C-alpha atoms as a PDB file:
ATOM      1  CA  MET A   1      81.421 -53.304-193.517  1.00  0.00           C
ATOM      2  CA  LYS A   2      83.170 -55.965-191.300  1.00  0.00           C
ATOM      3  CA  VAL A   3      85.787 -57.576-193.426  1.00  0.00           C
ATOM      4  CA  ILE A   4      87.882 -56.373-196.290  1.00  0.00           C
ATOM      5  CA  GLY A   5      89.598 -59.307-198.356  1.00  0.00           C
ATOM      6  CA  ALA A   6      93.019 -58.275-199.266  1.00  0.00           C
ATOM      7  CA  GLY A   7      94.000 -61.604-201.443  1.00  0.00           C
ATOM      8  CA  LEU A   8      94.717 -61.857-205.068  1.00  0.00           C
ATOM      9  CA  PRO A   9      92.302 -63.705-207.603  1.00  0.00           C
ATOM     10  CA  ARG A  10      92.639 -67.228-207.908  1.00  0.00           C
ATOM     11  CA  THR A  11      93.203 -67.505-203.866  1.00  0.00           C
ATOM     12  CA  ALA A  12      89.485 -69.185-203.723  1.00  0.00           C
ATOM     13  CA  THR A  13      87.967 -66.001-203.210  1.00  0.00           C
ATOM     14  CA  THR A  14      84.560 -67.419-204.285  1.00  0.00           C
ATOM     15  CA  THR A  15      84.630 -69.810-201.682  1.00  0.00           C
ATOM     16  CA  GLN A  16      85.448 -67.137-199.145  1.00  0.00           C
ATOM     17  CA  MET A  17      82.645 -65.397-199.894  1.00  0.00           C
ATOM     18  CA  PHE A  18      80.355 -68.510-199.718  1.00  0.00           C
ATOM     19  CA  ALA A  19      81.755 -68.991-196.230  1.00  0.00           C
ATOM     20  CA  LEU A  20      81.970 -65.317-195.099  1.00  0.00           C
ATOM     21  CA  GLU A  21      77.822 -65.385-196.218  1.00  0.00           C
ATOM     22  CA  GLN A  22      77.467 -68.710-194.395  1.00  0.00           C
ATOM     23  CA  LEU A  23      79.180 -67.070-191.125  1.00  0.00           C
ATOM     24  CA  GLY A  24      76.651 -63.705-191.230  1.00  0.00           C
ATOM     25  CA  LEU A  25      79.149 -61.357-193.109  1.00  0.00           C
ATOM     26  CA  GLY A  26      76.809 -61.273-195.775  1.00  0.00           C
ATOM     27  CA  PRO A  27      76.135 -60.159-198.410  1.00  0.00           C
ATOM     28  CA  CYS A  28      79.764 -60.693-199.868  1.00  0.00           C
ATOM     29  CA  TYR A  29      80.860 -58.424-202.471  1.00  0.00           C
ATOM     30  CA  HIS A  30      82.802 -60.123-205.264  1.00  0.00           C
ATOM     31  CA  MET A  31      83.701 -59.837-208.996  1.00  0.00           C
ATOM     32  CA  ARG A  32      80.301 -61.750-209.731  1.00  0.00           C
ATOM     33  CA  ASP A  33      78.208 -58.670-208.716  1.00  0.00           C
ATOM     34  CA  LEU A  34      80.483 -55.975-211.039  1.00  0.00           C
ATOM     35  CA  LEU A  35      80.069 -58.928-213.831  1.00  0.00           C
ATOM     36  CA  ALA A  36      76.233 -59.278-213.238  1.00  0.00           C
ATOM     37  CA  ASP A  37      75.949 -55.523-213.825  1.00  0.00           C
ATOM     38  CA  LEU A  38      78.532 -53.933-215.551  1.00  0.00           C
ATOM     39  CA  GLU A  39      75.786 -51.146-216.980  1.00  0.00           C
ATOM     40  CA  ARG A  40      75.505 -50.265-213.143  1.00  0.00           C
ATOM     41  CA  GLY A  41      79.379 -51.197-211.932  1.00  0.00           C
ATOM     42  CA  LEU A  42      81.770 -50.032-214.421  1.00  0.00           C
ATOM     43  CA  PRO A  43      80.627 -46.529-214.299  1.00  0.00           C
ATOM     44  CA  LEU A  44      81.315 -46.693-210.397  1.00  0.00           C
ATOM     45  CA  TRP A  45      84.662 -48.711-210.356  1.00  0.00           C
ATOM     46  CA  GLU A  46      85.673 -46.382-213.391  1.00  0.00           C
ATOM     47  CA  GLY A  47      85.453 -43.266-210.715  1.00  0.00           C
ATOM     48  CA  VAL A  48      87.596 -45.313-208.317  1.00  0.00           C
ATOM     49  CA  ALA A  49      90.214 -45.632-211.091  1.00  0.00           C
ATOM     50  CA  GLU A  50      89.973 -41.950-211.288  1.00  0.00           C
ATOM     51  CA  GLY A  51      90.104 -40.764-207.696  1.00  0.00           C
ATOM     52  CA  ALA A  52      86.301 -40.757-206.997  1.00  0.00           C
ATOM     53  CA  PRO A  53      85.377 -43.632-205.091  1.00  0.00           C
ATOM     54  CA  ASP A  54      81.457 -43.794-203.876  1.00  0.00           C
ATOM     55  CA  TRP A  55      82.153 -46.825-201.641  1.00  0.00           C
ATOM     56  CA  GLN A  56      78.719 -46.510-200.288  1.00  0.00           C
ATOM     57  CA  ARG A  57      76.950 -46.945-203.927  1.00  0.00           C
ATOM     58  CA  ILE A  58      79.590 -49.608-204.511  1.00  0.00           C
ATOM     59  CA  PHE A  59      79.102 -51.879-201.343  1.00  0.00           C
ATOM     60  CA  GLY A  60      75.317 -50.838-200.384  1.00  0.00           C
ATOM     61  CA  SER A  61      74.575 -53.074-197.540  1.00  0.00           C
ATOM     62  CA  ALA A  62      77.534 -55.312-197.941  1.00  0.00           C
ATOM     63  CA  GLY A  63      78.882 -57.049-194.950  1.00  0.00           C
ATOM     64  CA  SER A  64      82.260 -58.024-196.764  1.00  0.00           C
ATOM     65  CA  THR A  65      84.309 -57.933-200.064  1.00  0.00           C
ATOM     66  CA  VAL A  66      86.989 -60.550-201.392  1.00  0.00           C
ATOM     67  CA  ASP A  67      88.488 -60.392-204.930  1.00  0.00           C
ATOM     68  CA  TRP A  68      89.073 -57.952-207.263  1.00  0.00           C
ATOM     69  CA  PRO A  69      88.250 -54.831-207.781  1.00  0.00           C
ATOM     70  CA  SER A  70      87.583 -54.318-204.017  1.00  0.00           C
ATOM     71  CA  ALA A  71      90.853 -56.227-203.204  1.00  0.00           C
ATOM     72  CA  ARG A  72      93.209 -54.025-205.253  1.00  0.00           C
ATOM     73  CA  PHE A  73      91.734 -50.702-203.222  1.00  0.00           C
ATOM     74  CA  TYR A  74      92.383 -52.508-199.787  1.00  0.00           C
ATOM     75  CA  PRO A  75      93.972 -49.324-198.010  1.00  0.00           C
ATOM     76  CA  GLN A  76      91.201 -47.104-199.405  1.00  0.00           C
ATOM     77  CA  LEU A  77      88.812 -49.192-197.789  1.00  0.00           C
ATOM     78  CA  MET A  78      90.618 -49.851-194.726  1.00  0.00           C
ATOM     79  CA  GLU A  79      90.986 -45.818-194.177  1.00  0.00           C
ATOM     80  CA  HIS A  80      87.012 -45.598-195.282  1.00  0.00           C
ATOM     81  CA  TYR A  81      86.297 -48.693-192.494  1.00  0.00           C
ATOM     82  CA  PRO A  82      88.425 -48.367-189.695  1.00  0.00           C
ATOM     83  CA  ASP A  83      86.785 -50.950-187.759  1.00  0.00           C
ATOM     84  CA  ALA A  84      87.298 -53.602-190.660  1.00  0.00           C
ATOM     85  CA  LYS A  85      89.294 -56.841-190.501  1.00  0.00           C
ATOM     86  CA  VAL A  86      91.604 -57.615-193.428  1.00  0.00           C
ATOM     87  CA  LEU A  87      91.523 -61.169-194.870  1.00  0.00           C
ATOM     88  CA  LEU A  88      94.694 -61.786-197.151  1.00  0.00           C
ATOM     89  CA  SER A  89      93.923 -65.198-198.740  1.00  0.00           C
ATOM     90  CA  VAL A  90      97.277 -67.278-199.848  1.00  0.00           C
ATOM     91  CA  ARG A  91      98.357 -70.149-202.013  1.00  0.00           C
ATOM     92  CA  THR A  92     101.259 -71.671-202.901  1.00  0.00           C
ATOM     93  CA  PRO A  93     102.961 -70.199-205.716  1.00  0.00           C
ATOM     94  CA  ASP A  94     102.784 -73.216-208.052  1.00  0.00           C
ATOM     95  CA  GLU A  95      98.856 -73.355-207.288  1.00  0.00           C
ATOM     96  CA  TRP A  96      98.397 -70.023-208.133  1.00  0.00           C
ATOM     97  CA  VAL A  97     100.365 -69.580-211.372  1.00  0.00           C
ATOM     98  CA  ALA A  98      98.833 -72.214-212.710  1.00  0.00           C
ATOM     99  CA  SER A  99      95.264 -71.142-211.883  1.00  0.00           C
ATOM    100  CA  MET A 100      96.484 -67.521-213.077  1.00  0.00           C
ATOM    101  CA  ARG A 101      97.592 -69.004-216.289  1.00  0.00           C
ATOM    102  CA  GLN A 102      94.393 -70.720-217.351  1.00  0.00           C
ATOM    103  CA  THR A 103      91.775 -67.881-215.957  1.00  0.00           C
ATOM    104  CA  VAL A 104      93.062 -64.129-214.908  1.00  0.00           C
ATOM    105  CA  TRP A 105      96.249 -63.926-216.989  1.00  0.00           C
ATOM    106  CA  GLY A 106      94.954 -65.738-219.834  1.00  0.00           C
ATOM    107  CA  ILE A 107      92.439 -62.935-220.530  1.00  0.00           C
ATOM    108  CA  PHE A 108      94.663 -60.470-220.891  1.00  0.00           C
ATOM    109  CA  HIS A 109      97.869 -61.996-222.243  1.00  0.00           C
ATOM    110  CA  GLY A 110      99.403 -65.148-224.230  1.00  0.00           C
ATOM    111  CA  ASP A 111      98.306 -66.802-227.430  1.00  0.00           C
ATOM    112  CA  SER A 112      95.202 -69.299-225.783  1.00  0.00           C
ATOM    113  CA  VAL A 113      91.450 -69.240-227.450  1.00  0.00           C
ATOM    114  CA  LEU A 114      90.187 -67.735-223.845  1.00  0.00           C
ATOM    115  CA  HIS A 115      92.566 -64.495-224.967  1.00  0.00           C
ATOM    116  CA  HIS A 116      91.179 -64.134-228.583  1.00  0.00           C
ATOM    117  CA  LEU A 117      87.586 -64.700-228.029  1.00  0.00           C
ATOM    118  CA  CYS A 118      88.146 -61.880-225.007  1.00  0.00           C
ATOM    119  CA  GLN A 119      89.609 -59.366-227.409  1.00  0.00           C
ATOM    120  CA  ALA A 120      86.847 -60.789-229.803  1.00  0.00           C
ATOM    121  CA  ARG A 121      84.068 -59.955-227.349  1.00  0.00           C
ATOM    122  CA  ALA A 122      85.941 -56.660-226.662  1.00  0.00           C
ATOM    123  CA  ALA A 123      85.641 -55.574-230.218  1.00  0.00           C
ATOM    124  CA  LEU A 124      81.882 -56.060-230.005  1.00  0.00           C
ATOM    125  CA  ASP A 125      80.545 -55.481-227.008  1.00  0.00           C
ATOM    126  CA  PRO A 126      81.576 -51.712-225.561  1.00  0.00           C
ATOM    127  CA  LEU A 127      80.568 -52.758-221.772  1.00  0.00           C
ATOM    128  CA  TRP A 128      83.335 -55.471-222.110  1.00  0.00           C
ATOM    129  CA  ARG A 129      85.856 -53.140-223.652  1.00  0.00           C
ATOM    130  CA  ARG A 130      85.413 -51.004-221.010  1.00  0.00           C
ATOM    131  CA  TYR A 131      85.443 -54.059-218.214  1.00  0.00           C
ATOM    132  CA  MET A 132      89.110 -55.125-219.978  1.00  0.00           C
ATOM    133  CA  THR A 133      90.728 -51.594-220.157  1.00  0.00           C
ATOM    134  CA  LEU A 134      89.804 -51.030-215.982  1.00  0.00           C
ATOM    135  CA  MET A 135      91.029 -54.156-215.276  1.00  0.00           C
ATOM    136  CA  ARG A 136      94.072 -53.688-217.431  1.00  0.00           C
ATOM    137  CA  TRP A 137      94.689 -50.446-215.688  1.00  0.00           C
ATOM    138  CA  MET A 138      93.844 -52.069-212.279  1.00  0.00           C
ATOM    139  CA  SER A 139      96.038 -55.165-212.639  1.00  0.00           C
ATOM    140  CA  TRP A 140      98.961 -54.798-215.879  1.00  0.00           C
ATOM    141  CA  ASP A 141      99.477 -51.694-216.565  1.00  0.00           C
ATOM    142  CA  GLU A 142     103.161 -50.610-215.796  1.00  0.00           C
ATOM    143  CA  GLU A 143     102.526 -47.453-213.688  1.00  0.00           C
ATOM    144  CA  SER A 144      99.004 -48.425-212.088  1.00  0.00           C
ATOM    145  CA  GLY A 145      98.574 -52.006-212.139  1.00  0.00           C
ATOM    146  CA  ALA A 146      98.993 -53.913-208.941  1.00  0.00           C
ATOM    147  CA  LEU A 147     100.221 -57.171-211.019  1.00  0.00           C
ATOM    148  CA  ALA A 148     102.448 -55.433-213.199  1.00  0.00           C
ATOM    149  CA  GLY A 149     105.721 -56.681-213.979  1.00  0.00           C
ATOM    150  CA  GLU A 150     107.475 -59.478-215.874  1.00  0.00           C
ATOM    151  CA  THR A 151     104.822 -62.309-215.730  1.00  0.00           C
ATOM    152  CA  TYR A 152     105.451 -64.519-219.054  1.00  0.00           C
ATOM    153  CA  SER A 153     108.049 -66.402-216.832  1.00  0.00           C
ATOM    154  CA  ASP A 154     106.413 -68.141-213.875  1.00  0.00           C
ATOM    155  CA  ASP A 155     109.258 -66.942-211.712  1.00  0.00           C
ATOM    156  CA  GLY A 156     107.815 -63.501-212.660  1.00  0.00           C
ATOM    157  CA  LEU A 157     104.606 -64.369-211.982  1.00  0.00           C
ATOM    158  CA  ALA A 158     104.701 -65.756-208.522  1.00  0.00           C
ATOM    159  CA  ALA A 159     107.055 -62.868-207.717  1.00  0.00           C
ATOM    160  CA  VAL A 160     104.302 -60.927-208.351  1.00  0.00           C
ATOM    161  CA  MET A 161     102.087 -62.606-206.143  1.00  0.00           C
ATOM    162  CA  GLU A 162     104.580 -62.693-203.313  1.00  0.00           C
ATOM    163  CA  ARG A 163     104.965 -58.857-203.860  1.00  0.00           C
ATOM    164  CA  TRP A 164     101.496 -58.376-203.214  1.00  0.00           C
ATOM    165  CA  ASN A 165     101.406 -60.760-200.360  1.00  0.00           C
ATOM    166  CA  GLU A 166     104.477 -58.771-198.702  1.00  0.00           C
ATOM    167  CA  GLN A 167     102.803 -55.439-199.312  1.00  0.00           C
ATOM    168  CA  VAL A 168      99.958 -56.406-197.523  1.00  0.00           C
ATOM    169  CA  VAL A 169     101.288 -57.874-194.738  1.00  0.00           C
ATOM    170  CA  SER A 170     103.726 -55.005-194.149  1.00  0.00           C
ATOM    171  CA  SER A 171     101.014 -52.027-194.507  1.00  0.00           C
ATOM    172  CA  VAL A 172      98.096 -53.887-192.611  1.00  0.00           C
ATOM    173  CA  PRO A 173      98.496 -53.563-188.164  1.00  0.00           C
ATOM    174  CA  GLY A 174      98.774 -57.284-187.028  1.00  0.00           C
ATOM    175  CA  GLU A 175      95.810 -57.237-185.008  1.00  0.00           C
ATOM    176  CA  ARG A 176      93.461 -56.174-187.702  1.00  0.00           C
ATOM    177  CA  LEU A 177      95.299 -59.206-190.197  1.00  0.00           C
ATOM    178  CA  LEU A 178      94.629 -62.508-191.199  1.00  0.00           C
ATOM    179  CA  VAL A 179      96.503 -64.382-193.710  1.00  0.00           C
ATOM    180  CA  TRP A 180      94.486 -67.907-194.575  1.00  0.00           C
ATOM    181  CA  ASN A 181      95.187 -70.851-196.991  1.00  0.00           C
ATOM    182  CA  PRO A 182      91.632 -71.854-197.494  1.00  0.00           C
ATOM    183  CA  ARG A 183      93.126 -75.566-197.195  1.00  0.00           C
ATOM    184  CA  GLU A 184      93.197 -74.619-193.356  1.00  0.00           C
ATOM    185  CA  GLY A 185      89.707 -74.741-192.929  1.00  0.00           C
ATOM    186  CA  TRP A 186      87.564 -73.155-190.755  1.00  0.00           C
ATOM    187  CA  GLU A 187      89.324 -73.124-187.696  1.00  0.00           C
ATOM    188  CA  PRO A 188      91.700 -69.928-188.745  1.00  0.00           C
ATOM    189  CA  LEU A 189      89.110 -67.669-189.960  1.00  0.00           C
ATOM    190  CA  CYS A 190      86.475 -68.289-187.450  1.00  0.00           C
ATOM    191  CA  GLU A 191      88.969 -67.793-184.796  1.00  0.00           C
ATOM    192  CA  PHE A 192      89.897 -64.337-186.510  1.00  0.00           C
ATOM    193  CA  LEU A 193      86.225 -63.121-186.672  1.00  0.00           C
ATOM    194  CA  GLU A 194      85.207 -64.169-183.281  1.00  0.00           C
ATOM    195  CA  VAL A 195      82.524 -66.476-184.480  1.00  0.00           C
ATOM    196  CA  GLU A 196      81.370 -70.203-184.032  1.00  0.00           C
ATOM    197  CA  VAL A 197      82.938 -72.933-186.125  1.00  0.00           C
ATOM    198  CA  PRO A 198      80.011 -74.653-188.986  1.00  0.00           C
ATOM    199  CA  SER A 199      79.818 -78.170-188.470  1.00  0.00           C
ATOM    200  CA  GLU A 200      79.854 -79.050-192.454  1.00  0.00           C
ATOM    201  CA  PRO A 201      83.007 -78.577-194.167  1.00  0.00           C
ATOM    202  CA  LEU A 202      84.331 -75.508-195.892  1.00  0.00           C
ATOM    203  CA  PRO A 203      83.200 -75.041-199.240  1.00  0.00           C
ATOM    204  CA  ARG A 204      85.101 -75.522-202.113  1.00  0.00           C
ATOM    205  CA  LEU A 205      84.212 -73.368-205.247  1.00  0.00           C
ATOM    206  CA  ASN A 206      85.015 -71.630-208.520  1.00  0.00           C
ATOM    207  CA  ASP A 207      87.808 -73.903-210.007  1.00  0.00           C
ATOM    208  CA  THR A 208      89.759 -72.849-213.206  1.00  0.00           C
ATOM    209  CA  THR A 209      87.351 -75.165-214.741  1.00  0.00           C
ATOM    210  CA  SER A 210      84.119 -73.237-213.777  1.00  0.00           C
ATOM    211  CA  PHE A 211      85.726 -69.964-214.585  1.00  0.00           C
ATOM    212  CA  ARG A 212      87.012 -70.564-217.987  1.00  0.00           C
ATOM    213  CA  GLU A 213      83.062 -71.963-218.946  1.00  0.00           C
ATOM    214  CA  GLY A 214      81.743 -68.815-217.781  1.00  0.00           C
ATOM    215  CA  ILE A 215      84.342 -66.440-219.749  1.00  0.00           C
ATOM    216  CA  ILE A 216      84.535 -68.392-222.822  1.00  0.00           C
ATOM    217  CA  GLY A 217      80.954 -68.966-222.930  1.00  0.00           C
ATOM    218  CA  GLY A 218      79.998 -65.525-222.636  1.00  0.00           C
ATOM    219  CA  ALA A 219      82.344 -64.583-224.973  1.00  0.00           C
ATOM    220  CA  LEU A 220      81.113 -66.864-227.651  1.00  0.00           C
ATOM    221  CA  ASP A 221      77.476 -65.767-226.746  1.00  0.00           C
ATOM    222  CA  VAL A 222      78.166 -62.667-227.979  1.00  0.00           C
ATOM    223  CA  VAL A 223      80.151 -63.250-231.016  1.00  0.00           C
ATOM    224  CA  GLY A 224      77.417 -65.680-231.738  1.00  0.00           C
ATOM    225  CA  GLU A 225      74.574 -62.862-231.768  1.00  0.00           C
ATOM    226  CA  TRP A 226      76.838 -60.995-234.056  1.00  0.00           C
ATOM    227  CA  TRP A 227      77.091 -63.618-236.526  1.00  0.00           C
ATOM    228  CA  GLN A 228      73.889 -64.476-236.433  1.00  0.00           C
ATOM    229  CA  ALA A 229      72.767 -60.848-236.833  1.00  0.00           C
ATOM    230  CA  ARG A 230      74.808 -60.305-239.896  1.00  0.00           C
ATOM    231  CA  GLU A 231      73.959 -59.350-243.144  1.00  0.00           C
ATOM    232  CA  ARG A 232      73.676 -62.476-245.157  1.00  0.00           C
ATOM    233  CA  PRO A 233      75.298 -63.160-248.682  1.00  0.00           C
ATOM    234  CA  THR A 234      73.698 -64.477-251.453  1.00  0.00           C
ATOM    235  CA  SER A 235      76.762 -66.520-252.527  1.00  0.00           C
ATOM    236  CA  GLY A 236      79.373 -68.448-250.420  1.00  0.00           C
ATOM    237  CA  LEU A 237      83.056 -67.474-250.936  1.00  0.00           C
ATOM    238  CA  HIS A 238      84.916 -67.035-254.053  1.00  0.00           C
ATOM    239  CA  GLY A 239      81.454 -67.230-255.636  1.00  0.00           C
ATOM    240  CA  ALA A 240      80.640 -70.501-254.545  1.00  0.00           C
ATOM    241  CA  ALA A 241      76.703 -71.652-254.211  1.00  0.00           C
ATOM    242  CA  LEU A 242      75.347 -71.466-250.814  1.00  0.00           C
ATOM    243  CA  THR A 243      74.289 -74.709-249.426  1.00  0.00           C
END
């Protein structure tokens, strides 16, 4: 493990994943790896939450890791990988809050279609229910959540972000840390990692629309499969004839 991402979700972590892999620091472990195989990944991360991490089984041959859930445990990863550098990706508070409202925050809070569909999926899909329970523990729980606090106001959610970033800066030795806004491009990242700057522009991936498409689409698939497998009635609502 060469690079530990400590940046919060919605700080261009998918862009970072592809960038680090392009720079030869892959494979890069990311939330997508957990979501792609919840059956395998959930027990491993539940073990981390219980204080019994098996980092080798989680990361395997990964040369870097960014995004939740790994960023949530950057202090433990720094100790386990003492030669790894730490990358703190940042955005402006307004940008981050707007993105979180429609994506990660919206899964767990509020009164949106995103929230209610994820709740419906959790009622039907035991793995998704465990995933939401784990992410709630990591992120929003008052005692264990890294993002716990008053998050319904924009100022409150922004304060949570600023608290996290300040914690990272104060806890990581300066020589191991880069605070990086992806809008700065390749140069600061490549200088920090001591690699050559690619000729092509830094990729920009996983915007809010793409996130919502994946999460809402996955929930609709589960709900749709459940509905298609239902026991079909012989009459309609209140005895109306079926058409």
